[in-house]
Amino acid sequence: MTPELNPLLQRLQPYPFERLRALVADITPNPNFRPINLGIGEPRHPTPAVLKQALHAAIDDTVSGLSVYPATAGTPQLRAACADWLRRRYGVEVDPATQVLPTLGSREALFSLAQVVVDPRAFAQGDDPVVVCPNPFYQIYEGAALLAGATPWYAPSDAARNFAVDWDSVPDDVWARTRLVYACSPANPTGAVMSMPEWQRLFELSDRHGFVIASDECYSEIYFRDEPPLGALQAAAALGRHDFRRLIMLTSLSKRSNAPGLRSGFVAGDAALIRAFARYRIYHGSAMSVAVQQASAAAWADEAHVIANREQYRAKFAQVTPRLAEVMDVRLPDAGFYLWAKVPPRFGGREGGDDTDFARELLAQYNVTVLPGRYLGREAQGTNPGAGRIRMALVAGVDECLEAAERIVRFIRG
């Protein structure tokens, strides 16, 4: 007898990489070229020695190794290191005991936060709670909303405004039902950074309608201009919102420290939200091992490896972007490690080009994998803002990324 499962699972859409595998399943890539994958945003720069050494020492330490159960709240040392980093990076003060909580990277925290924020009583009262997401977006936002029983509403990015999210396009009746807003700055996939006026507008809407803001900032340390990206807590503090009411920022070591396998991050912000989130996580079983906590504290305390990592990306993008710009509409992003490029019109025979046709033909002819932009967006309000674009993750070494760029140029020029 088949067990009855959670019907909300049926609402989940295939993940972008699953869709990409299906798209190219019948393709045999040109064997004359070594495969180059620009499709997956997985950091490939070396993990810094300071982190690896701290992890090795922590595992060898009989007191703080693997023989004890970790606390969900994390060690005071790790919370202090996170708070110190927020002070150095953003100039904001948080109480490490009440406003910081370690997480297993940012993905699981982004997902589970929706389960804390969306009130199930709304369904019994006949309401239809909404979670607002940028469009295009990181698909975890949508999945979190759906499995919390909420309805996602997709706020489009505006290419004419450097891919800023058009929060004003969300109708008032949707804001009235909104329980949670996911903001991503720097954005995946566009690389756009939210400005102070954008944050101020979002805070005003939160005050009016009472929704929580989750600020995904995992790309904040890879940027290309002298001024680092503005953070949510930083914007709130500058506007006098020192209690960070209804605001949580989320970050991790995956991109900053090239350690995606460590699964280490933290959230910070509104103490009441952090307290509720911590209570949920005790039952969720998401405590970070003490050894990983010690290594994470060492990583958050060190900026030298972050600066070196950022310089690698700057040098890489400075070489690759102009070469690709010779044949397609692409520009240096504000931050992050993606190029968000417009497909030339000749691919698919329509304005903007067809991103899926482009991805298939590029793989077949030149053995380079890119991700169709439509897979990172949703058809909403009559359009999918990702259609006609591709995302390229410049995560490999500069030589490999340059080789991929040269192949793409040859491919487009035919």
Protein backbone atom coordinates (compact mmCIF):
# COMPACT_ATOMS: atom_id res chain seq x y z
CA MET A 1 0.00 0.00 0.00
CA THR A 2 1.50 3.33 -1.09
CA PRO A 3 1.98 5.73 1.84
CA GLU A 4 0.36 9.14 1.66
CA LEU A 5 3.11 11.75 1.39
CA ASN A 6 3.06 15.49 1.85
CA PRO A 7 1.14 16.74 -1.21
CA LEU A 8 3.12 20.00 -1.17
CA LEU A 9 6.10 18.05 -2.53
CA GLN A 10 4.23 17.84 -5.84
CA ARG A 11 4.41 21.62 -6.15
CA LEU A 12 8.21 21.65 -6.31
CA GLN A 13 9.71 22.32 -9.74
CA PRO A 14 12.80 20.44 -10.99
CA TYR A 15 16.05 22.06 -9.95
CA PRO A 16 17.83 24.05 -12.73
CA PHE A 17 20.63 21.50 -13.10
CA GLU A 18 18.11 18.66 -13.41
CA ARG A 19 16.43 20.58 -16.20
CA LEU A 20 19.80 21.23 -17.84
CA ARG A 21 20.67 17.51 -17.77
CA ALA A 22 17.36 16.72 -19.45
CA LEU A 23 17.92 19.47 -22.03
CA VAL A 24 21.26 18.07 -23.20
CA ALA A 25 20.62 14.35 -22.59
CA ASP A 26 20.72 13.64 -26.34
CA ILE A 27 23.80 15.79 -26.99
CA THR A 28 27.23 14.28 -27.70
CA PRO A 29 29.74 17.06 -26.95
CA ASN A 30 32.52 17.63 -29.47
CA PRO A 31 35.34 15.30 -28.32
CA ASN A 32 37.98 17.58 -29.85
CA PHE A 33 37.55 19.94 -26.89
CA ARG A 34 38.04 19.17 -23.21
CA PRO A 35 34.82 19.77 -21.24
CA ILE A 36 34.49 23.14 -19.49
CA ASN A 37 31.53 23.64 -17.15
CA LEU A 38 30.40 27.21 -16.52
CA GLY A 39 26.98 26.03 -15.41
CA ILE A 40 27.46 25.31 -11.70
CA GLY A 41 28.31 28.06 -9.20
CA GLU A 42 30.61 25.94 -7.07
CA PRO A 43 33.80 27.75 -5.94
CA ARG A 44 36.94 26.10 -7.28
CA HIS A 45 39.68 28.34 -5.90
CA PRO A 46 41.78 26.60 -3.21
CA THR A 47 40.38 26.55 0.31
CA PRO A 48 42.64 28.83 2.41
CA ALA A 49 45.34 27.30 4.57
CA VAL A 50 44.15 29.16 7.67
CA LEU A 51 40.83 27.33 7.54
CA LYS A 52 42.27 23.90 6.80
CA GLN A 53 44.85 24.23 9.57
CA ALA A 54 42.22 25.30 12.09
CA LEU A 55 39.97 22.37 11.11
CA HIS A 56 42.82 19.90 11.45
CA ALA A 57 43.75 21.26 14.87
CA ALA A 58 40.12 21.17 16.04
CA ILE A 59 39.66 17.53 15.05
CA ASP A 60 42.86 16.58 16.87
CA ASP A 61 41.78 18.41 20.00
CA THR A 62 40.24 15.83 22.37
CA VAL A 63 38.27 18.58 24.12
CA SER A 64 36.67 20.17 21.08
CA GLY A 65 36.79 17.34 18.55
CA LEU A 66 34.12 14.88 17.53
CA SER A 67 33.37 13.25 20.87
CA VAL A 68 30.79 15.76 22.08
CA TYR A 69 27.32 16.81 20.94
CA PRO A 70 27.36 20.38 19.61
CA ALA A 71 24.89 23.00 20.79
CA THR A 72 22.45 24.43 18.27
CA ALA A 73 23.29 27.95 19.45
CA GLY A 74 26.96 27.37 18.67
CA THR A 75 29.96 28.17 20.80
CA PRO A 76 30.41 31.64 22.27
CA GLN A 77 33.72 31.83 20.36
CA LEU A 78 32.06 31.33 16.98
CA ARG A 79 29.21 33.75 17.68
CA ALA A 80 31.75 36.34 18.82
CA ALA A 81 33.81 35.83 15.66
CA CYS A 82 30.70 36.36 13.52
CA ALA A 83 29.74 39.49 15.45
CA ASP A 84 33.30 40.83 15.15
CA TRP A 85 33.21 40.26 11.41
CA LEU A 86 29.92 42.16 11.11
CA ARG A 87 31.50 45.04 13.02
CA ARG A 88 34.59 45.13 10.80
CA ARG A 89 32.77 44.57 7.51
CA TYR A 90 29.59 46.61 7.98
CA GLY A 91 30.20 48.77 11.04
CA VAL A 92 27.18 47.29 12.83
CA GLU A 93 26.92 46.10 16.41
CA VAL A 94 25.04 42.93 17.28
CA ASP A 95 24.81 40.98 20.51
CA PRO A 96 26.52 37.64 19.78
CA ALA A 97 24.43 35.92 22.46
CA THR A 98 21.01 36.95 21.10
CA GLN A 99 21.42 38.22 17.52
CA VAL A 100 23.73 35.64 15.91
CA LEU A 101 23.08 31.97 15.14
CA PRO A 102 25.40 29.54 13.28
CA THR A 103 23.88 27.62 10.37
CA LEU A 104 24.94 24.79 8.07
CA GLY A 105 25.70 27.15 5.21
CA SER A 106 23.03 29.49 3.88
CA ARG A 107 20.84 27.11 1.84
CA GLU A 108 19.31 25.16 4.73
CA ALA A 109 18.78 28.35 6.70
CA LEU A 110 17.08 30.09 3.77
CA PHE A 111 14.76 27.12 3.47
CA SER A 112 13.97 26.54 7.13
CA LEU A 113 13.40 30.22 7.90
CA ALA A 114 10.19 30.11 5.85
CA GLN A 115 8.93 27.25 7.99
CA VAL A 116 9.39 29.50 11.05
CA VAL A 117 7.90 32.67 9.60
CA VAL A 118 4.82 31.46 7.69
CA ASP A 119 1.97 31.10 10.18
CA PRO A 120 -0.06 27.90 9.54
CA ARG A 121 -3.07 29.48 11.25
CA ALA A 122 -3.46 31.63 8.14
CA PHE A 123 -4.69 28.62 6.16
CA ALA A 124 -7.36 27.77 8.75
CA GLN A 125 -8.58 31.36 8.54
CA GLY A 126 -8.86 31.15 4.76
CA ASP A 127 -5.90 33.41 4.07
CA ASP A 128 -3.39 32.81 1.29
CA PRO A 129 0.03 33.77 2.70
CA VAL A 130 2.60 34.99 0.19
CA VAL A 131 6.38 34.82 0.00
CA VAL A 132 7.85 37.41 -2.38
CA CYS A 133 10.96 36.40 -4.35
CA PRO A 134 13.07 38.26 -6.89
CA ASN A 135 12.81 36.97 -10.45
CA PRO A 136 15.20 35.47 -11.59
CA PHE A 137 16.21 33.91 -8.30
CA TYR A 138 17.80 31.12 -6.26
CA GLN A 139 15.25 28.31 -6.40
CA ILE A 140 15.47 27.52 -2.68
CA TYR A 141 13.28 30.61 -2.06
CA GLU A 142 10.46 29.13 -4.10
CA GLY A 143 10.79 25.67 -2.58
CA ALA A 144 10.79 27.08 0.93
CA ALA A 145 7.61 29.03 0.20
CA LEU A 146 5.82 26.07 -1.37
CA LEU A 147 6.67 23.60 1.41
CA ALA A 148 5.55 26.15 4.00
CA GLY A 149 2.21 26.17 2.17
CA ALA A 150 2.61 29.74 0.94
CA THR A 151 2.25 31.15 -2.56
CA PRO A 152 5.39 32.56 -4.21
CA TRP A 153 5.05 35.93 -5.90
CA TYR A 154 7.83 36.82 -8.34
CA ALA A 155 9.06 40.43 -8.42
CA PRO A 156 10.89 40.99 -11.72
CA SER A 157 14.41 42.35 -12.14
CA ASP A 158 14.66 45.34 -14.45
CA ALA A 159 17.52 45.10 -16.96
CA ALA A 160 17.16 48.82 -17.67
CA ARG A 161 18.01 49.55 -14.01
CA ASN A 162 21.02 47.25 -13.71
CA PHE A 163 18.70 44.35 -12.81
CA ALA A 164 17.32 46.06 -9.71
CA VAL A 165 14.24 44.26 -8.37
CA ASP A 166 11.04 46.15 -9.09
CA TRP A 167 9.50 45.97 -5.62
CA ASP A 168 6.94 48.57 -6.67
CA SER A 169 5.51 46.11 -9.20
CA VAL A 170 4.09 44.04 -6.33
CA PRO A 171 0.41 44.99 -5.88
CA ASP A 172 -0.82 46.28 -2.52
CA ASP A 173 -3.16 43.32 -2.06
CA VAL A 174 -0.17 40.97 -2.44
CA TRP A 175 1.88 42.95 0.09
CA ALA A 176 -1.05 42.68 2.50
CA ARG A 177 -0.75 38.86 2.42
CA THR A 178 3.05 38.74 2.40
CA ARG A 179 4.74 37.01 5.33
CA LEU A 180 8.31 36.84 4.04
CA VAL A 181 10.44 38.56 1.40
CA TYR A 182 13.65 37.06 0.08
CA ALA A 183 16.16 39.68 -1.02
CA CYS A 184 19.44 38.61 -2.61
CA SER A 185 22.20 41.20 -2.70
CA PRO A 186 24.54 40.67 -4.46
CA ALA A 187 22.02 38.85 -6.59
CA ASN A 188 22.22 35.40 -8.08
CA PRO A 189 22.31 35.34 -11.09
CA THR A 190 22.48 39.04 -12.07
CA GLY A 191 25.17 40.30 -9.66
CA ALA A 192 23.10 43.40 -8.83
CA VAL A 193 23.58 45.06 -5.42
CA MET A 194 20.67 46.73 -3.66
CA SER A 195 21.10 50.46 -3.03
CA MET A 196 20.11 52.41 0.08
CA PRO A 197 16.88 53.74 -1.53
CA GLU A 198 15.89 50.16 -2.41
CA TRP A 199 16.48 48.98 1.17
CA GLN A 200 14.60 51.98 2.53
CA ARG A 201 11.63 51.17 0.30
CA LEU A 202 11.63 47.53 1.43
CA PHE A 203 11.84 48.54 5.11
CA GLU A 204 8.90 50.94 4.65
CA LEU A 205 6.84 48.15 3.10
CA SER A 206 7.80 45.81 5.96
CA ASP A 207 6.70 48.42 8.51
CA ARG A 208 3.38 48.85 6.74
CA HIS A 209 2.58 45.18 6.21
CA GLY A 210 4.54 43.40 8.94
CA PHE A 211 6.47 40.91 6.79
CA VAL A 212 9.95 39.54 7.54
CA ILE A 213 12.89 40.28 5.25
CA ALA A 214 15.51 37.58 4.67
CA SER A 215 18.63 39.06 3.08
CA ASP A 216 20.75 36.47 1.27
CA GLU A 217 24.28 37.91 1.19
CA CYS A 218 26.49 34.92 0.44
CA TYR A 219 28.23 36.68 -2.50
CA SER A 220 29.02 39.86 -0.57
CA GLU A 221 32.81 39.46 -0.52
CA ILE A 222 33.35 39.03 -4.28
CA TYR A 223 33.03 42.51 -5.76
CA PHE A 224 34.71 44.53 -8.48
CA ARG A 225 34.60 48.14 -7.35
CA ASP A 226 36.38 49.87 -4.49
CA GLU A 227 33.26 50.18 -2.33
CA PRO A 228 32.02 46.85 -0.93
CA PRO A 229 28.34 45.97 -1.35
CA LEU A 230 25.90 47.49 1.10
CA GLY A 231 24.49 44.93 3.54
CA ALA A 232 20.95 44.75 4.94
CA LEU A 233 21.98 45.27 8.57
CA GLN A 234 24.26 48.10 7.49
CA ALA A 235 21.41 49.81 5.64
CA ALA A 236 19.06 49.30 8.59
CA ALA A 237 21.53 50.78 11.08
CA ALA A 238 22.16 53.78 8.83
CA LEU A 239 18.40 54.41 8.83
CA GLY A 240 18.22 54.21 12.63
CA ARG A 241 16.78 50.68 12.74
CA HIS A 242 19.29 49.39 15.27
CA ASP A 243 16.98 46.65 16.57
CA PHE A 244 16.88 45.18 13.02
CA ARG A 245 13.17 44.54 13.45
CA ARG A 246 11.75 41.89 11.11
CA LEU A 247 15.16 41.58 9.41
CA ILE A 248 17.59 38.66 9.18
CA MET A 249 20.72 38.51 7.04
CA LEU A 250 22.23 35.19 5.97
CA THR A 251 25.78 34.49 4.84
CA SER A 252 28.30 31.67 4.63
CA LEU A 253 31.93 30.72 4.10
CA SER A 254 31.22 28.88 0.83
CA LYS A 255 32.03 31.74 -1.55
CA ARG A 256 33.96 34.04 0.80
CA SER A 257 36.42 31.35 1.84
CA ASN A 258 36.08 28.78 -0.98
CA ALA A 259 34.73 26.20 1.46
CA PRO A 260 31.35 24.98 0.15
CA GLY A 261 31.94 21.53 1.62
CA LEU A 262 32.37 22.91 5.13
CA ARG A 263 28.66 23.82 5.25
CA SER A 264 29.19 26.77 7.56
CA GLY A 265 27.40 30.08 7.77
CA PHE A 266 25.38 32.22 10.15
CA VAL A 267 22.32 34.41 10.42
CA ALA A 268 22.09 37.70 12.30
CA GLY A 269 19.49 40.35 13.02
CA ASP A 270 16.22 40.71 14.93
CA ALA A 271 16.71 39.04 18.34
CA ALA A 272 13.10 37.85 18.51
CA LEU A 273 13.41 36.14 15.12
CA ILE A 274 16.76 34.63 16.06
CA ARG A 275 15.23 33.24 19.25
CA ALA A 276 12.35 31.64 17.35
CA PHE A 277 14.70 30.31 14.69
CA ALA A 278 16.96 28.77 17.33
CA ARG A 279 13.98 27.02 18.91
CA TYR A 280 13.00 25.55 15.55
CA ARG A 281 16.56 24.44 14.83
CA ILE A 282 16.84 22.51 18.09
CA TYR A 283 14.12 20.19 16.75
CA HIS A 284 15.44 20.40 13.20
CA GLY A 285 18.77 18.82 14.25
CA SER A 286 20.96 21.36 12.51
CA ALA A 287 23.76 21.92 15.02
CA MET A 288 27.23 22.45 13.55
CA SER A 289 30.06 20.20 14.77
CA VAL A 290 32.40 21.83 17.26
CA ALA A 291 35.38 21.16 15.03
CA VAL A 292 33.74 22.99 12.12
CA GLN A 293 32.79 25.81 14.48
CA GLN A 294 36.42 26.29 15.54
CA ALA A 295 37.60 26.31 11.93
CA SER A 296 34.80 28.72 11.00
CA ALA A 297 35.77 31.14 13.75
CA ALA A 298 39.31 31.18 12.39
CA ALA A 299 38.02 31.86 8.87
CA TRP A 300 35.73 34.73 9.93
CA ALA A 301 38.65 36.29 11.80
CA ASP A 302 40.98 36.30 8.78
CA GLU A 303 40.62 38.77 5.90
CA ALA A 304 43.91 38.16 4.07
CA HIS A 305 42.59 35.09 2.25
CA VAL A 306 39.37 36.93 1.35
CA ILE A 307 41.29 39.80 -0.24
CA ALA A 308 43.45 37.35 -2.21
CA ASN A 309 40.38 35.46 -3.39
CA ARG A 310 38.66 38.68 -4.48
CA GLU A 311 41.75 39.72 -6.46
CA GLN A 312 41.70 36.40 -8.33
CA TYR A 313 38.12 37.04 -9.38
CA ARG A 314 38.84 40.64 -10.34
CA ALA A 315 41.76 39.61 -12.56
CA LYS A 316 39.69 36.85 -14.15
CA PHE A 317 36.63 39.00 -14.88
CA ALA A 318 38.84 41.81 -16.21
CA GLN A 319 40.12 39.45 -18.92
CA VAL A 320 37.03 37.38 -19.69
CA THR A 321 34.28 40.03 -19.72
CA PRO A 322 35.73 42.30 -22.46
CA ARG A 323 36.39 39.29 -24.68
CA LEU A 324 32.80 38.07 -24.44
CA ALA A 325 31.48 41.63 -24.80
CA GLU A 326 32.84 41.64 -28.36
CA VAL A 327 30.09 39.25 -29.43
CA MET A 328 27.27 39.47 -26.89
CA ASP A 329 25.52 41.85 -24.50
CA VAL A 330 27.36 41.25 -21.22
CA ARG A 331 28.87 43.54 -18.62
CA LEU A 332 30.85 43.39 -15.42
CA PRO A 333 28.42 42.71 -12.55
CA ASP A 334 28.39 44.70 -9.32
CA ALA A 335 29.47 41.58 -7.44
CA GLY A 336 29.36 37.78 -7.40
CA PHE A 337 31.07 35.34 -9.73
CA TYR A 338 28.49 35.10 -12.53
CA LEU A 339 28.16 36.73 -15.92
CA TRP A 340 24.52 37.27 -16.90
CA ALA A 341 24.68 37.53 -20.68
CA LYS A 342 22.06 38.17 -23.34
CA VAL A 343 21.93 35.56 -26.08
CA PRO A 344 22.51 36.96 -29.60
CA PRO A 345 19.30 37.11 -31.67
CA ARG A 346 20.39 34.58 -34.29
CA PHE A 347 20.00 31.71 -31.81
CA GLY A 348 16.38 30.68 -32.02
CA GLY A 349 15.46 33.44 -34.45
CA ARG A 350 13.74 35.75 -31.99
CA GLU A 351 14.66 38.93 -30.18
CA GLY A 352 17.15 38.22 -27.43
CA GLY A 353 17.85 34.73 -28.75
CA ASP A 354 16.84 31.42 -27.25
CA ASP A 355 18.87 30.45 -24.19
CA THR A 356 18.09 26.73 -24.41
CA ASP A 357 19.06 26.51 -28.08
CA PHE A 358 22.25 28.42 -27.30
CA ALA A 359 23.16 26.05 -24.44
CA ARG A 360 22.53 22.94 -26.52
CA GLU A 361 24.48 24.11 -29.58
CA LEU A 362 27.41 25.44 -27.53
CA LEU A 363 27.78 22.12 -25.72
CA ALA A 364 27.51 20.11 -28.94
CA GLN A 365 29.99 22.18 -30.92
CA TYR A 366 32.47 23.40 -28.30
CA ASN A 367 31.93 21.26 -25.14
CA VAL A 368 31.19 24.28 -22.92
CA THR A 369 28.28 24.08 -20.47
CA VAL A 370 26.26 27.18 -19.54
CA LEU A 371 22.95 27.46 -17.70
CA PRO A 372 19.89 28.78 -19.59
CA GLY A 373 18.56 31.84 -17.83
CA ARG A 374 14.92 30.75 -18.08
CA TYR A 375 15.69 27.94 -15.62
CA LEU A 376 16.52 30.57 -12.99
CA GLY A 377 13.31 32.52 -13.49
CA ARG A 378 9.57 31.98 -13.70
CA GLU A 379 6.92 33.08 -16.15
CA ALA A 380 5.12 35.78 -14.15
CA GLN A 381 3.25 38.95 -15.08
CA GLY A 382 3.55 37.86 -18.70
CA THR A 383 7.29 37.34 -18.89
CA ASN A 384 10.24 35.28 -17.67
CA PRO A 385 13.08 37.77 -17.02
CA GLY A 386 15.64 34.97 -17.41
CA ALA A 387 14.55 33.94 -20.91
CA GLY A 388 17.03 34.90 -23.60
CA ARG A 389 19.96 35.01 -21.16
CA ILE A 390 22.57 32.58 -19.91
CA ARG A 391 24.42 32.39 -16.61
CA MET A 392 28.15 31.69 -16.72
CA ALA A 393 29.93 30.85 -13.46
CA LEU A 394 33.56 31.96 -13.68
CA VAL A 395 34.67 29.73 -10.82
CA ALA A 396 37.55 27.87 -12.48
CA GLY A 397 41.06 29.20 -13.02
CA VAL A 398 41.66 32.11 -15.34
CA ASP A 399 43.15 29.96 -18.13
CA GLU A 400 40.12 27.66 -18.21
CA CYS A 401 37.67 30.57 -18.14
CA LEU A 402 39.57 32.35 -20.93
CA GLU A 403 39.56 29.19 -23.01
CA ALA A 404 35.80 28.91 -22.53
CA ALA A 405 35.40 32.56 -23.55
CA GLU A 406 37.44 32.02 -26.72
CA ARG A 407 35.28 29.04 -27.66
CA ILE A 408 32.09 31.05 -27.07
CA VAL A 409 33.39 33.86 -29.26
CA ARG A 410 34.16 31.39 -32.06
CA PHE A 411 30.76 29.77 -31.59
CA ILE A 412 28.85 33.05 -31.88
CA ARG A 413 30.87 34.28 -34.82
CA GLY A 414 30.14 31.00 -36.56
